[in-house]
Amino acid sequence: MASVSVSHMILFIASIVIAASVAGVFTDSISQVSQAIDDRGLSVSENVRTDIEVISDSGSAAVYDETTENITIYVKNTGSRELRSESEAIDVLVDGQYETDVTVTLLDGADGWGPGDVVRMEISPNDGGGLSAGDHRVKVIVNEDEEVFRFRI
C-alpha cells in the first residue's frame, strides 16, 4: 500500500517539474515574440509616416541636361516625419539600374528634410554614356516608400 503512495508521489512531483519547465519555456518564447511585435510595430509606424512625392514636371527640358548628362528632379516630403536627406539614406534607380552618384540638396534654407520640405536630387547615371532618346524612369526609395518618375528625352 505504501509503495503505491510513493509511486504516485514520484509521478506527481515529476509532472510538476515538467509543467514548470514547459511554463518557463513558454514564458520566454512569449516574451521574445512580444518584443519582436513591438519592434516591427515601430518599423511599420515609421514607414506609414514616410511619404514622398516627385514634384518635377516630366515634360520639362530641365529634367535632363544633355551637356552634363545629369538628371535633376525635385522630391517633396509629404509624410508626417522628418527624413534623412543624405544620399546614403535614399535609393535611386534610373531605368532599373542602381545609381550611386546622387547629390541631394535641401531647398528653401531648411535645416532638415521635414514635412513639406523639398530636396533637389542631381543624378549622374553610372553608365557614363548618357541617356538615349526615348522614355526613362527614375525610382526613388526612402524608408520603403517608392515613387516612380517617368520622363522623355
N, C-alpha and C. Protein backbone atom coordinates (compact mmCIF):
# COMPACT_ATOMS: atom_id res chain seq x y z
N MET A 1 0.81 -1.18 0.00
CA MET A 1 0.00 0.00 0.00
C MET A 1 0.87 1.26 0.00
N ALA A 2 1.92 1.27 0.79
CA ALA A 2 2.81 2.41 0.85
C ALA A 2 3.55 2.59 -0.48
N SER A 3 3.83 1.50 -1.17
CA SER A 3 4.55 1.59 -2.43
C SER A 3 3.70 2.30 -3.50
N VAL A 4 2.39 2.14 -3.44
CA VAL A 4 1.51 2.82 -4.38
C VAL A 4 1.55 4.32 -4.11
N SER A 5 1.50 4.73 -2.85
CA SER A 5 1.54 6.15 -2.50
C SER A 5 2.87 6.76 -2.91
N VAL A 6 3.96 6.03 -2.73
CA VAL A 6 5.28 6.54 -3.11
C VAL A 6 5.35 6.70 -4.63
N SER A 7 4.86 5.75 -5.38
CA SER A 7 4.92 5.86 -6.84
C SER A 7 4.03 7.00 -7.34
N HIS A 8 2.85 7.19 -6.69
CA HIS A 8 2.00 8.31 -7.05
C HIS A 8 2.70 9.64 -6.74
N MET A 9 3.36 9.68 -5.61
CA MET A 9 4.07 10.89 -5.21
C MET A 9 5.20 11.20 -6.20
N ILE A 10 5.94 10.21 -6.65
CA ILE A 10 7.04 10.40 -7.60
C ILE A 10 6.47 10.89 -8.94
N LEU A 11 5.39 10.31 -9.40
CA LEU A 11 4.76 10.74 -10.66
C LEU A 11 4.22 12.17 -10.53
N PHE A 12 3.64 12.50 -9.38
CA PHE A 12 3.11 13.84 -9.16
C PHE A 12 4.23 14.87 -9.19
N ILE A 13 5.32 14.60 -8.50
CA ILE A 13 6.46 15.52 -8.46
C ILE A 13 7.07 15.66 -9.87
N ALA A 14 7.19 14.56 -10.59
CA ALA A 14 7.73 14.61 -11.96
C ALA A 14 6.83 15.45 -12.86
N SER A 15 5.53 15.30 -12.73
CA SER A 15 4.62 16.08 -13.57
C SER A 15 4.70 17.57 -13.23
N ILE A 16 4.86 17.90 -11.93
CA ILE A 16 5.01 19.29 -11.52
C ILE A 16 6.29 19.88 -12.11
N VAL A 17 7.40 19.15 -12.07
CA VAL A 17 8.68 19.62 -12.62
C VAL A 17 8.57 19.83 -14.13
N ILE A 18 7.93 18.90 -14.82
CA ILE A 18 7.77 19.03 -16.27
C ILE A 18 6.89 20.23 -16.59
N ALA A 19 5.80 20.40 -15.88
CA ALA A 19 4.89 21.53 -16.10
C ALA A 19 5.61 22.86 -15.85
N ALA A 20 6.43 22.93 -14.82
CA ALA A 20 7.16 24.16 -14.51
C ALA A 20 8.18 24.48 -15.61
N SER A 21 8.86 23.48 -16.13
CA SER A 21 9.84 23.73 -17.18
C SER A 21 9.15 24.14 -18.48
N VAL A 22 8.02 23.53 -18.80
CA VAL A 22 7.27 23.92 -20.00
C VAL A 22 6.76 25.35 -19.86
N ALA A 23 6.28 25.71 -18.68
CA ALA A 23 5.80 27.07 -18.45
C ALA A 23 6.94 28.08 -18.59
N GLY A 24 8.12 27.73 -18.13
CA GLY A 24 9.28 28.61 -18.27
C GLY A 24 9.66 28.82 -19.72
N VAL A 25 9.63 27.76 -20.51
CA VAL A 25 9.95 27.86 -21.94
C VAL A 25 8.90 28.73 -22.65
N PHE A 26 7.63 28.50 -22.37
CA PHE A 26 6.56 29.28 -22.99
C PHE A 26 6.66 30.75 -22.60
N THR A 27 6.97 31.02 -21.35
CA THR A 27 7.08 32.41 -20.90
C THR A 27 8.20 33.13 -21.65
N ASP A 28 9.34 32.48 -21.81
CA ASP A 28 10.46 33.07 -22.53
C ASP A 28 10.11 33.27 -24.01
N SER A 29 9.47 32.28 -24.61
CA SER A 29 9.10 32.39 -26.02
C SER A 29 8.08 33.51 -26.24
N ILE A 30 7.11 33.61 -25.37
CA ILE A 30 6.10 34.65 -25.49
C ILE A 30 6.73 36.03 -25.32
N SER A 31 7.70 36.14 -24.41
CA SER A 31 8.40 37.41 -24.22
C SER A 31 9.16 37.81 -25.49
N GLN A 32 9.82 36.86 -26.13
CA GLN A 32 10.55 37.15 -27.36
C GLN A 32 9.61 37.54 -28.50
N VAL A 33 8.49 36.85 -28.61
CA VAL A 33 7.50 37.18 -29.65
C VAL A 33 6.94 38.58 -29.39
N SER A 34 6.65 38.90 -28.15
CA SER A 34 6.12 40.22 -27.80
C SER A 34 7.12 41.32 -28.17
N GLN A 35 8.39 41.10 -27.89
CA GLN A 35 9.42 42.09 -28.23
C GLN A 35 9.53 42.25 -29.75
N ALA A 36 9.45 41.15 -30.49
CA ALA A 36 9.52 41.21 -31.96
C ALA A 36 8.33 41.99 -32.52
N ILE A 37 7.16 41.79 -31.95
CA ILE A 37 5.97 42.52 -32.41
C ILE A 37 6.12 44.01 -32.12
N ASP A 38 6.65 44.36 -30.95
CA ASP A 38 6.88 45.78 -30.63
C ASP A 38 7.87 46.41 -31.61
N ASP A 39 8.97 45.70 -31.90
CA ASP A 39 9.97 46.23 -32.83
C ASP A 39 9.37 46.41 -34.22
N ARG A 40 8.62 45.44 -34.68
CA ARG A 40 8.00 45.52 -36.00
C ARG A 40 6.97 46.66 -36.05
N GLY A 41 6.26 46.85 -34.95
CA GLY A 41 5.28 47.93 -34.88
C GLY A 41 5.93 49.29 -35.04
N LEU A 42 7.10 49.49 -34.42
CA LEU A 42 7.83 50.76 -34.58
C LEU A 42 8.28 50.96 -36.02
N SER A 43 8.77 49.88 -36.63
CA SER A 43 9.22 49.96 -38.01
C SER A 43 8.06 50.29 -38.95
N VAL A 44 6.93 49.65 -38.74
CA VAL A 44 5.76 49.92 -39.57
C VAL A 44 5.28 51.35 -39.36
N SER A 45 5.34 51.83 -38.12
CA SER A 45 4.93 53.20 -37.83
C SER A 45 5.79 54.20 -38.59
N GLU A 46 7.11 53.97 -38.64
CA GLU A 46 7.99 54.86 -39.39
C GLU A 46 7.66 54.83 -40.88
N ASN A 47 7.39 53.63 -41.40
CA ASN A 47 7.08 53.51 -42.82
C ASN A 47 5.75 54.17 -43.17
N VAL A 48 4.78 54.07 -42.27
CA VAL A 48 3.47 54.67 -42.53
C VAL A 48 3.58 56.18 -42.53
N ARG A 49 4.41 56.73 -41.66
CA ARG A 49 4.56 58.19 -41.58
C ARG A 49 5.48 58.75 -42.64
N THR A 50 6.11 57.87 -43.44
CA THR A 50 7.01 58.31 -44.51
C THR A 50 6.25 58.34 -45.82
N ASP A 51 6.30 59.48 -46.49
CA ASP A 51 5.68 59.60 -47.80
C ASP A 51 6.43 60.68 -48.57
N ILE A 52 6.77 60.37 -49.81
CA ILE A 52 7.45 61.34 -50.67
C ILE A 52 6.68 61.46 -51.98
N GLU A 53 6.92 62.55 -52.66
CA GLU A 53 6.28 62.78 -53.96
C GLU A 53 7.27 63.51 -54.86
N VAL A 54 7.49 62.97 -56.07
CA VAL A 54 8.32 63.67 -57.04
C VAL A 54 7.46 64.76 -57.65
N ILE A 55 7.91 66.01 -57.51
CA ILE A 55 7.10 67.14 -57.98
C ILE A 55 7.66 67.79 -59.23
N SER A 56 8.65 67.19 -59.85
CA SER A 56 9.20 67.71 -61.10
C SER A 56 8.19 67.53 -62.23
N ASP A 57 8.28 68.40 -63.21
CA ASP A 57 7.42 68.32 -64.40
C ASP A 57 8.08 67.37 -65.39
N SER A 58 7.41 66.29 -65.71
CA SER A 58 8.00 65.29 -66.60
C SER A 58 8.19 65.82 -68.03
N GLY A 59 7.49 66.88 -68.40
CA GLY A 59 7.63 67.44 -69.74
C GLY A 59 8.66 68.54 -69.84
N SER A 60 9.28 68.89 -68.70
CA SER A 60 10.24 69.99 -68.67
C SER A 60 11.58 69.56 -69.25
N ALA A 61 12.20 70.47 -69.97
CA ALA A 61 13.55 70.21 -70.51
C ALA A 61 14.60 70.29 -69.40
N ALA A 62 14.22 70.78 -68.22
CA ALA A 62 15.17 70.92 -67.12
C ALA A 62 15.44 69.60 -66.40
N VAL A 63 14.69 68.55 -66.71
CA VAL A 63 14.90 67.27 -66.03
C VAL A 63 16.22 66.64 -66.44
N TYR A 64 16.52 66.64 -67.73
CA TYR A 64 17.75 66.03 -68.22
C TYR A 64 18.60 67.07 -68.93
N ASP A 65 19.83 67.22 -68.47
CA ASP A 65 20.78 68.15 -69.08
C ASP A 65 21.70 67.34 -69.99
N GLU A 66 21.57 67.54 -71.30
CA GLU A 66 22.37 66.75 -72.24
C GLU A 66 23.85 67.10 -72.18
N THR A 67 24.20 68.30 -71.71
CA THR A 67 25.60 68.70 -71.60
C THR A 67 26.30 67.94 -70.49
N THR A 68 25.71 67.97 -69.29
CA THR A 68 26.33 67.29 -68.14
C THR A 68 25.87 65.84 -68.01
N GLU A 69 24.82 65.48 -68.76
CA GLU A 69 24.21 64.14 -68.70
C GLU A 69 23.66 63.83 -67.31
N ASN A 70 23.22 64.86 -66.60
CA ASN A 70 22.64 64.70 -65.26
C ASN A 70 21.12 64.79 -65.33
N ILE A 71 20.48 64.07 -64.45
CA ILE A 71 19.04 64.13 -64.27
C ILE A 71 18.80 64.94 -62.99
N THR A 72 17.91 65.92 -63.05
CA THR A 72 17.58 66.73 -61.87
C THR A 72 16.09 66.61 -61.61
N ILE A 73 15.75 66.13 -60.40
CA ILE A 73 14.35 66.04 -60.01
C ILE A 73 14.17 66.66 -58.63
N TYR A 74 12.95 67.07 -58.36
CA TYR A 74 12.60 67.66 -57.07
C TYR A 74 11.66 66.71 -56.36
N VAL A 75 11.97 66.43 -55.09
CA VAL A 75 11.19 65.48 -54.31
C VAL A 75 10.72 66.16 -53.03
N LYS A 76 9.42 66.05 -52.77
CA LYS A 76 8.82 66.69 -51.59
C LYS A 76 8.48 65.64 -50.54
N ASN A 77 8.76 65.97 -49.29
CA ASN A 77 8.39 65.12 -48.17
C ASN A 77 6.93 65.41 -47.84
N THR A 78 6.04 64.51 -48.23
CA THR A 78 4.61 64.70 -47.97
C THR A 78 4.15 63.88 -46.77
N GLY A 79 5.09 63.26 -46.07
CA GLY A 79 4.75 62.49 -44.89
C GLY A 79 4.65 63.36 -43.65
N SER A 80 4.60 62.71 -42.50
CA SER A 80 4.43 63.45 -41.24
C SER A 80 5.66 63.40 -40.35
N ARG A 81 6.80 62.95 -40.89
CA ARG A 81 8.02 62.92 -40.08
C ARG A 81 9.20 63.41 -40.90
N GLU A 82 10.24 63.84 -40.19
CA GLU A 82 11.45 64.31 -40.86
C GLU A 82 12.21 63.12 -41.41
N LEU A 83 12.75 63.29 -42.60
CA LEU A 83 13.51 62.23 -43.27
C LEU A 83 14.98 62.61 -43.35
N ARG A 84 15.82 61.59 -43.48
CA ARG A 84 17.24 61.84 -43.69
C ARG A 84 17.43 62.26 -45.14
N SER A 85 18.16 63.33 -45.35
CA SER A 85 18.36 63.83 -46.71
C SER A 85 19.73 63.48 -47.28
N GLU A 86 20.48 62.64 -46.59
CA GLU A 86 21.77 62.22 -47.12
C GLU A 86 21.54 61.22 -48.26
N SER A 87 22.40 61.26 -49.25
CA SER A 87 22.22 60.37 -50.40
C SER A 87 22.34 58.90 -50.00
N GLU A 88 23.01 58.59 -48.88
CA GLU A 88 23.13 57.21 -48.43
C GLU A 88 21.79 56.66 -47.92
N ALA A 89 20.88 57.55 -47.53
CA ALA A 89 19.58 57.14 -46.99
C ALA A 89 18.52 57.04 -48.08
N ILE A 90 18.89 57.38 -49.31
CA ILE A 90 17.93 57.39 -50.42
C ILE A 90 18.46 56.48 -51.52
N ASP A 91 17.62 55.56 -51.96
CA ASP A 91 17.99 54.68 -53.08
C ASP A 91 17.38 55.23 -54.35
N VAL A 92 18.19 55.28 -55.40
CA VAL A 92 17.74 55.80 -56.69
C VAL A 92 18.08 54.80 -57.78
N LEU A 93 17.08 54.51 -58.62
CA LEU A 93 17.29 53.65 -59.78
C LEU A 93 16.87 54.42 -61.02
N VAL A 94 17.72 54.39 -62.04
CA VAL A 94 17.41 55.00 -63.32
C VAL A 94 17.31 53.88 -64.35
N ASP A 95 16.14 53.74 -64.91
CA ASP A 95 15.87 52.67 -65.88
C ASP A 95 16.28 51.31 -65.31
N GLY A 96 16.02 51.10 -64.03
CA GLY A 96 16.28 49.82 -63.38
C GLY A 96 17.70 49.63 -62.89
N GLN A 97 18.57 50.59 -63.10
CA GLN A 97 19.97 50.48 -62.68
C GLN A 97 20.19 51.34 -61.43
N TYR A 98 20.78 50.72 -60.39
CA TYR A 98 21.03 51.42 -59.13
C TYR A 98 22.09 52.50 -59.35
N GLU A 99 21.79 53.69 -58.87
CA GLU A 99 22.70 54.82 -59.05
C GLU A 99 23.36 55.20 -57.72
N THR A 100 24.66 55.41 -57.77
CA THR A 100 25.41 55.76 -56.55
C THR A 100 25.83 57.23 -56.54
N ASP A 101 25.87 57.87 -57.70
CA ASP A 101 26.31 59.27 -57.77
C ASP A 101 25.07 60.17 -57.73
N VAL A 102 24.56 60.38 -56.52
CA VAL A 102 23.35 61.19 -56.32
C VAL A 102 23.69 62.30 -55.33
N THR A 103 23.42 63.54 -55.73
CA THR A 103 23.63 64.68 -54.84
C THR A 103 22.27 65.20 -54.40
N VAL A 104 22.08 65.29 -53.08
CA VAL A 104 20.81 65.74 -52.53
C VAL A 104 21.04 67.10 -51.87
N THR A 105 20.23 68.09 -52.27
CA THR A 105 20.36 69.45 -51.74
C THR A 105 19.02 69.89 -51.17
N LEU A 106 19.02 70.33 -49.91
CA LEU A 106 17.81 70.87 -49.30
C LEU A 106 17.53 72.25 -49.87
N LEU A 107 16.27 72.54 -50.16
CA LEU A 107 15.89 73.83 -50.71
C LEU A 107 15.24 74.70 -49.65
N ASP A 108 15.09 75.95 -49.95
CA ASP A 108 14.41 76.92 -49.09
C ASP A 108 15.09 77.10 -47.74
N GLY A 109 16.40 76.84 -47.64
CA GLY A 109 17.13 77.06 -46.40
C GLY A 109 16.71 76.16 -45.25
N ALA A 110 16.12 75.03 -45.55
CA ALA A 110 15.66 74.12 -44.50
C ALA A 110 16.84 73.48 -43.78
N ASP A 111 16.67 73.22 -42.47
CA ASP A 111 17.71 72.55 -41.68
C ASP A 111 17.68 71.05 -41.89
N GLY A 112 16.50 70.51 -42.12
CA GLY A 112 16.33 69.08 -42.34
C GLY A 112 15.20 68.87 -43.32
N TRP A 113 15.04 67.64 -43.78
CA TRP A 113 14.01 67.32 -44.76
C TRP A 113 12.71 67.01 -44.02
N GLY A 114 12.11 68.05 -43.49
CA GLY A 114 10.89 67.91 -42.71
C GLY A 114 9.66 67.83 -43.59
N PRO A 115 8.50 67.59 -42.97
CA PRO A 115 7.26 67.54 -43.74
C PRO A 115 7.04 68.84 -44.51
N GLY A 116 6.74 68.71 -45.79
CA GLY A 116 6.51 69.86 -46.65
C GLY A 116 7.75 70.42 -47.29
N ASP A 117 8.94 69.97 -46.90
CA ASP A 117 10.19 70.47 -47.48
C ASP A 117 10.52 69.73 -48.77
N VAL A 118 11.30 70.39 -49.62
CA VAL A 118 11.66 69.85 -50.93
C VAL A 118 13.17 69.73 -51.03
N VAL A 119 13.62 68.64 -51.66
CA VAL A 119 15.04 68.47 -51.96
C VAL A 119 15.21 68.37 -53.47
N ARG A 120 16.39 68.82 -53.93
CA ARG A 120 16.75 68.65 -55.34
C ARG A 120 17.73 67.48 -55.41
N MET A 121 17.45 66.54 -56.30
CA MET A 121 18.34 65.40 -56.50
C MET A 121 18.96 65.52 -57.88
N GLU A 122 20.28 65.54 -57.89
CA GLU A 122 21.02 65.53 -59.15
C GLU A 122 21.65 64.16 -59.29
N ILE A 123 21.25 63.46 -60.33
CA ILE A 123 21.66 62.07 -60.54
C ILE A 123 22.56 62.01 -61.76
N SER A 124 23.75 61.44 -61.56
CA SER A 124 24.66 61.20 -62.68
C SER A 124 24.62 59.71 -62.98
N PRO A 125 23.96 59.30 -64.05
CA PRO A 125 23.87 57.87 -64.33
C PRO A 125 25.23 57.20 -64.40
N ASN A 126 25.31 56.00 -63.81
CA ASN A 126 26.59 55.28 -63.68
C ASN A 126 27.21 54.86 -65.01
N ASP A 127 26.38 54.62 -66.02
CA ASP A 127 26.94 54.09 -67.27
C ASP A 127 27.84 55.09 -67.99
N GLY A 128 27.70 56.38 -67.67
CA GLY A 128 28.59 57.40 -68.23
C GLY A 128 28.33 57.74 -69.69
N GLY A 129 27.46 57.01 -70.34
CA GLY A 129 27.20 57.27 -71.75
C GLY A 129 26.02 58.18 -71.98
N GLY A 130 25.41 58.65 -70.92
CA GLY A 130 24.22 59.48 -71.08
C GLY A 130 23.01 58.64 -71.40
N LEU A 131 21.88 59.29 -71.47
CA LEU A 131 20.64 58.60 -71.76
C LEU A 131 20.29 58.78 -73.23
N SER A 132 19.75 57.74 -73.82
CA SER A 132 19.35 57.81 -75.22
C SER A 132 17.97 58.45 -75.31
N ALA A 133 17.60 58.84 -76.50
CA ALA A 133 16.28 59.42 -76.72
C ALA A 133 15.21 58.37 -76.43
N GLY A 134 14.13 58.82 -75.82
CA GLY A 134 13.03 57.89 -75.53
C GLY A 134 12.53 58.07 -74.11
N ASP A 135 11.79 57.08 -73.65
CA ASP A 135 11.19 57.11 -72.32
C ASP A 135 12.17 56.58 -71.27
N HIS A 136 12.14 57.20 -70.09
CA HIS A 136 13.01 56.79 -68.99
C HIS A 136 12.24 56.84 -67.68
N ARG A 137 12.76 56.10 -66.68
CA ARG A 137 12.13 56.06 -65.36
C ARG A 137 13.18 56.29 -64.29
N VAL A 138 12.80 57.07 -63.30
CA VAL A 138 13.63 57.25 -62.10
C VAL A 138 12.78 56.79 -60.93
N LYS A 139 13.32 55.84 -60.17
CA LYS A 139 12.62 55.34 -58.99
C LYS A 139 13.38 55.80 -57.76
N VAL A 140 12.68 56.48 -56.84
CA VAL A 140 13.27 56.99 -55.61
C VAL A 140 12.66 56.21 -54.46
N ILE A 141 13.51 55.67 -53.57
CA ILE A 141 13.04 54.87 -52.45
C ILE A 141 13.59 55.48 -51.16
N VAL A 142 12.68 55.83 -50.24
CA VAL A 142 13.04 56.36 -48.93
C VAL A 142 12.22 55.59 -47.90
N ASN A 143 12.90 54.90 -46.99
CA ASN A 143 12.21 54.12 -45.93
C ASN A 143 11.11 53.24 -46.50
N GLU A 144 11.39 52.53 -47.56
CA GLU A 144 10.46 51.61 -48.20
C GLU A 144 9.31 52.30 -48.93
N ASP A 145 9.27 53.63 -48.96
CA ASP A 145 8.27 54.34 -49.75
C ASP A 145 8.89 54.59 -51.13
N GLU A 146 8.20 54.17 -52.17
CA GLU A 146 8.72 54.25 -53.53
C GLU A 146 7.91 55.22 -54.36
N GLU A 147 8.61 56.01 -55.15
CA GLU A 147 7.97 56.89 -56.12
C GLU A 147 8.67 56.70 -57.46
N VAL A 148 7.90 56.61 -58.52
CA VAL A 148 8.44 56.45 -59.85
C VAL A 148 8.14 57.71 -60.65
N PHE A 149 9.17 58.24 -61.29
CA PHE A 149 9.06 59.44 -62.12
C PHE A 149 9.42 59.04 -63.55
N ARG A 150 8.50 59.28 -64.47
CA ARG A 150 8.74 58.95 -65.88
C ARG A 150 8.93 60.24 -66.67
N PHE A 151 9.89 60.21 -67.59
CA PHE A 151 10.12 61.38 -68.43
C PHE A 151 10.64 60.92 -69.79
N ARG A 152 10.60 61.84 -70.74
CA ARG A 152 11.02 61.53 -72.10
C ARG A 152 12.08 62.55 -72.53
N ILE A 153 13.07 62.03 -73.24
CA ILE A 153 14.11 62.91 -73.79
C ILE A 153 13.82 63.11 -75.28
